[in-house]
Amino acid sequence: MRLLISWLILSVAVWVTAAVLPGFHVKGPKSALLVAAIFGVLNFLLGWLLFAVFTVATLGIAWLLAFITRWIINAILLVITDKLTDHLKVDSFGWALGGALVMSLVGTLGEWIVSRAVI
C-alpha cells in the first residue's frame, strides 16, 4: 500500500511540475502515472549506483553535499526517463534540474501530508 501511495504522490509531483515549468512537458494524467513509474524504477535501480559513482569521483564531497548530489542525479534520471518514453519531454538539462527540484518539493510536501493524515 505504501508503494502505491508513493507512486501516486510522485505522479502528482510530475503533473504539477509539468504545469509549473514551461520546459517540462507531460501529455496528460495517464502519462504522469507512467512517467512516475519509469522514474521510480530508474531511481530504485540506478539512483544508488549514480550516488556511489559521484561520491567516489568527487572523493567524498558528493556524500557531504548529499542534497545537491541527489538533485543532480534526479535531473539525470529525468533526462533518461525522457529518452525512454515519449510521454515526457524535457527541453534541456536546465529544465531537468528545475523539474527535479519542483518534483522533490511537491513529493516531500505530499509525503508529509500523507504521514500527517495517517497519524
C-alpha atoms as a PDB file:
ATOM      1  CA  MET A   1       0.000   0.000   0.000  1.00  0.00           C
ATOM      2  CA  ARG A   2       2.862   2.378   0.858  1.00  0.00           C
ATOM      3  CA  LEU A   3       4.409   1.829  -2.583  1.00  0.00           C
ATOM      4  CA  LEU A   4       1.121   2.694  -4.297  1.00  0.00           C
ATOM      5  CA  ILE A   5       0.734   5.889  -2.264  1.00  0.00           C
ATOM      6  CA  SER A   6       4.332   6.922  -3.027  1.00  0.00           C
ATOM      7  CA  TRP A   7       3.730   6.291  -6.729  1.00  0.00           C
ATOM      8  CA  LEU A   8       0.578   8.414  -6.693  1.00  0.00           C
ATOM      9  CA  ILE A   9       2.394  11.222  -4.873  1.00  0.00           C
ATOM     10  CA  LEU A  10       5.214  11.066  -7.440  1.00  0.00           C
ATOM     11  CA  SER A  11       2.613  11.141 -10.231  1.00  0.00           C
ATOM     12  CA  VAL A  12       1.076  14.282  -8.758  1.00  0.00           C
ATOM     13  CA  ALA A  13       4.573  15.774  -8.465  1.00  0.00           C
ATOM     14  CA  VAL A  14       5.224  15.048 -12.152  1.00  0.00           C
ATOM     15  CA  TRP A  15       1.875  16.574 -13.125  1.00  0.00           C
ATOM     16  CA  VAL A  16       2.418  19.715 -11.010  1.00  0.00           C
ATOM     17  CA  THR A  17       5.942  20.111 -12.379  1.00  0.00           C
ATOM     18  CA  ALA A  18       4.627  19.957 -15.942  1.00  0.00           C
ATOM     19  CA  ALA A  19       2.007  22.578 -15.067  1.00  0.00           C
ATOM     20  CA  VAL A  20       4.550  24.934 -13.458  1.00  0.00           C
ATOM     21  CA  LEU A  21       7.628  24.644 -15.700  1.00  0.00           C
ATOM     22  CA  PRO A  22       7.354  25.602 -19.379  1.00  0.00           C
ATOM     23  CA  GLY A  23      10.299  23.352 -20.380  1.00  0.00           C
ATOM     24  CA  PHE A  24       8.848  20.212 -18.770  1.00  0.00           C
ATOM     25  CA  HIS A  25       6.025  18.551 -20.736  1.00  0.00           C
ATOM     26  CA  VAL A  26       3.761  15.604 -19.885  1.00  0.00           C
ATOM     27  CA  LYS A  27       0.976  14.565 -22.263  1.00  0.00           C
ATOM     28  CA  GLY A  28      -1.707  14.021 -19.624  1.00  0.00           C
ATOM     29  CA  PRO A  29      -2.617  12.480 -16.272  1.00  0.00           C
ATOM     30  CA  LYS A  30      -2.101   8.912 -17.519  1.00  0.00           C
ATOM     31  CA  SER A  31       1.278   9.932 -18.879  1.00  0.00           C
ATOM     32  CA  ALA A  32       2.175  11.368 -15.462  1.00  0.00           C
ATOM     33  CA  LEU A  33       1.420   7.940 -13.926  1.00  0.00           C
ATOM     34  CA  LEU A  34       3.633   6.210 -16.496  1.00  0.00           C
ATOM     35  CA  VAL A  35       6.457   8.743 -16.180  1.00  0.00           C
ATOM     36  CA  ALA A  36       6.342   8.420 -12.370  1.00  0.00           C
ATOM     37  CA  ALA A  37       6.544   4.627 -12.648  1.00  0.00           C
ATOM     38  CA  ILE A  38       9.524   4.736 -15.025  1.00  0.00           C
ATOM     39  CA  PHE A  39      11.287   7.420 -12.972  1.00  0.00           C
ATOM     40  CA  GLY A  40      10.678   5.462  -9.748  1.00  0.00           C
ATOM     41  CA  VAL A  41      12.089   2.251 -11.203  1.00  0.00           C
ATOM     42  CA  LEU A  42      15.126   4.084 -12.579  1.00  0.00           C
ATOM     43  CA  ASN A  43      15.665   5.779  -9.230  1.00  0.00           C
ATOM     44  CA  PHE A  44      15.476   2.410  -7.478  1.00  0.00           C
ATOM     45  CA  LEU A  45      17.808   0.666  -9.934  1.00  0.00           C
ATOM     46  CA  LEU A  46      20.282   3.439 -10.807  1.00  0.00           C
ATOM     47  CA  GLY A  47      19.934   6.114  -8.130  1.00  0.00           C
ATOM     48  CA  TRP A  48      22.172   4.418  -5.564  1.00  0.00           C
ATOM     49  CA  LEU A  49      24.725   3.490  -8.239  1.00  0.00           C
ATOM     50  CA  LEU A  50      24.988   7.047  -9.541  1.00  0.00           C
ATOM     51  CA  PHE A  51      25.256   8.338  -5.967  1.00  0.00           C
ATOM     52  CA  ALA A  52      28.127   5.925  -5.292  1.00  0.00           C
ATOM     53  CA  VAL A  53      29.897   6.914  -8.524  1.00  0.00           C
ATOM     54  CA  PHE A  54      29.509  10.621  -7.722  1.00  0.00           C
ATOM     55  CA  THR A  55      30.818  10.043  -4.197  1.00  0.00           C
ATOM     56  CA  VAL A  56      33.909   8.182  -5.398  1.00  0.00           C
ATOM     57  CA  ALA A  57      34.530  10.575  -8.302  1.00  0.00           C
ATOM     58  CA  THR A  58      34.441  13.612  -6.010  1.00  0.00           C
ATOM     59  CA  LEU A  59      36.443  11.943  -3.233  1.00  0.00           C
ATOM     60  CA  GLY A  60      33.514  12.003  -0.817  1.00  0.00           C
ATOM     61  CA  ILE A  61      32.389  15.573  -1.377  1.00  0.00           C
ATOM     62  CA  ALA A  62      29.189  14.299  -3.032  1.00  0.00           C
ATOM     63  CA  TRP A  63      28.326  12.452   0.171  1.00  0.00           C
ATOM     64  CA  LEU A  64      28.857  15.614   2.226  1.00  0.00           C
ATOM     65  CA  LEU A  65      26.664  17.565  -0.176  1.00  0.00           C
ATOM     66  CA  ALA A  66      24.041  14.827  -0.471  1.00  0.00           C
ATOM     67  CA  PHE A  67      21.105  17.145  -1.241  1.00  0.00           C
ATOM     68  CA  ILE A  68      22.848  18.695  -4.236  1.00  0.00           C
ATOM     69  CA  THR A  69      24.096  15.308  -5.402  1.00  0.00           C
ATOM     70  CA  ARG A  70      20.603  13.756  -5.231  1.00  0.00           C
ATOM     71  CA  TRP A  71      19.216  16.793  -7.048  1.00  0.00           C
ATOM     72  CA  ILE A  72      21.678  16.331  -9.931  1.00  0.00           C
ATOM     73  CA  ILE A  73      21.092  12.562 -10.011  1.00  0.00           C
ATOM     74  CA  ASN A  74      17.322  13.092 -10.187  1.00  0.00           C
ATOM     75  CA  ALA A  75      17.842  15.507 -13.083  1.00  0.00           C
ATOM     76  CA  ILE A  76      19.956  12.881 -14.876  1.00  0.00           C
ATOM     77  CA  LEU A  77      17.254  10.273 -14.247  1.00  0.00           C
ATOM     78  CA  LEU A  78      14.626  12.663 -15.649  1.00  0.00           C
ATOM     79  CA  VAL A  79      16.670  13.028 -18.830  1.00  0.00           C
ATOM     80  CA  ILE A  80      16.953   9.228 -19.064  1.00  0.00           C
ATOM     81  CA  THR A  81      13.188   8.919 -18.476  1.00  0.00           C
ATOM     82  CA  ASP A  82      12.653  11.453 -21.272  1.00  0.00           C
ATOM     83  CA  LYS A  83      14.759   9.293 -23.608  1.00  0.00           C
ATOM     84  CA  LEU A  84      12.891   6.092 -22.657  1.00  0.00           C
ATOM     85  CA  THR A  85       9.344   7.346 -23.204  1.00  0.00           C
ATOM     86  CA  ASP A  86       7.513   9.768 -25.451  1.00  0.00           C
ATOM     87  CA  HIS A  87       5.157  10.689 -22.585  1.00  0.00           C
ATOM     88  CA  LEU A  88       7.731  13.109 -21.137  1.00  0.00           C
ATOM     89  CA  LYS A  89       9.634  15.868 -22.917  1.00  0.00           C
ATOM     90  CA  VAL A  90      12.295  17.859 -21.072  1.00  0.00           C
ATOM     91  CA  ASP A  91      13.665  20.692 -23.211  1.00  0.00           C
ATOM     92  CA  SER A  92      17.160  20.830 -21.650  1.00  0.00           C
ATOM     93  CA  PHE A  93      19.232  19.692 -18.688  1.00  0.00           C
ATOM     94  CA  GLY A  94      18.467  23.025 -17.023  1.00  0.00           C
ATOM     95  CA  TRP A  95      14.751  22.242 -17.172  1.00  0.00           C
ATOM     96  CA  ALA A  96      15.538  18.762 -15.821  1.00  0.00           C
ATOM     97  CA  LEU A  97      17.285  20.404 -12.845  1.00  0.00           C
ATOM     98  CA  GLY A  98      14.248  22.637 -12.297  1.00  0.00           C
ATOM     99  CA  GLY A  99      11.925  19.667 -12.697  1.00  0.00           C
ATOM    100  CA  ALA A 100      13.901  17.609 -10.194  1.00  0.00           C
ATOM    101  CA  LEU A 101      13.702  20.461  -7.693  1.00  0.00           C
ATOM    102  CA  VAL A 102       9.955  21.016  -8.104  1.00  0.00           C
ATOM    103  CA  MET A 103       9.263  17.275  -8.021  1.00  0.00           C
ATOM    104  CA  SER A 104      11.297  16.946  -4.820  1.00  0.00           C
ATOM    105  CA  LEU A 105       9.446  19.816  -3.168  1.00  0.00           C
ATOM    106  CA  VAL A 106       5.988  18.593  -4.208  1.00  0.00           C
ATOM    107  CA  GLY A 107       6.851  14.982  -3.340  1.00  0.00           C
ATOM    108  CA  THR A 108       8.175  15.927   0.093  1.00  0.00           C
ATOM    109  CA  LEU A 109       5.082  18.024   0.784  1.00  0.00           C
ATOM    110  CA  GLY A 110       2.835  15.174  -0.388  1.00  0.00           C
ATOM    111  CA  GLU A 111       4.623  12.606   1.776  1.00  0.00           C
ATOM    112  CA  TRP A 112       4.392  14.964   4.756  1.00  0.00           C
ATOM    113  CA  ILE A 113       0.638  15.486   4.245  1.00  0.00           C
ATOM    114  CA  VAL A 114       0.003  11.748   3.907  1.00  0.00           C
ATOM    115  CA  SER A 115       2.072  10.937   7.003  1.00  0.00           C
ATOM    116  CA  ARG A 116       0.119  13.559   9.000  1.00  0.00           C
ATOM    117  CA  ALA A 117      -3.193  12.133   7.770  1.00  0.00           C
ATOM    118  CA  VAL A 118      -2.235   8.605   8.844  1.00  0.00           C
ATOM    119  CA  ILE A 119      -1.231   9.634  12.372  1.00  0.00           C
END
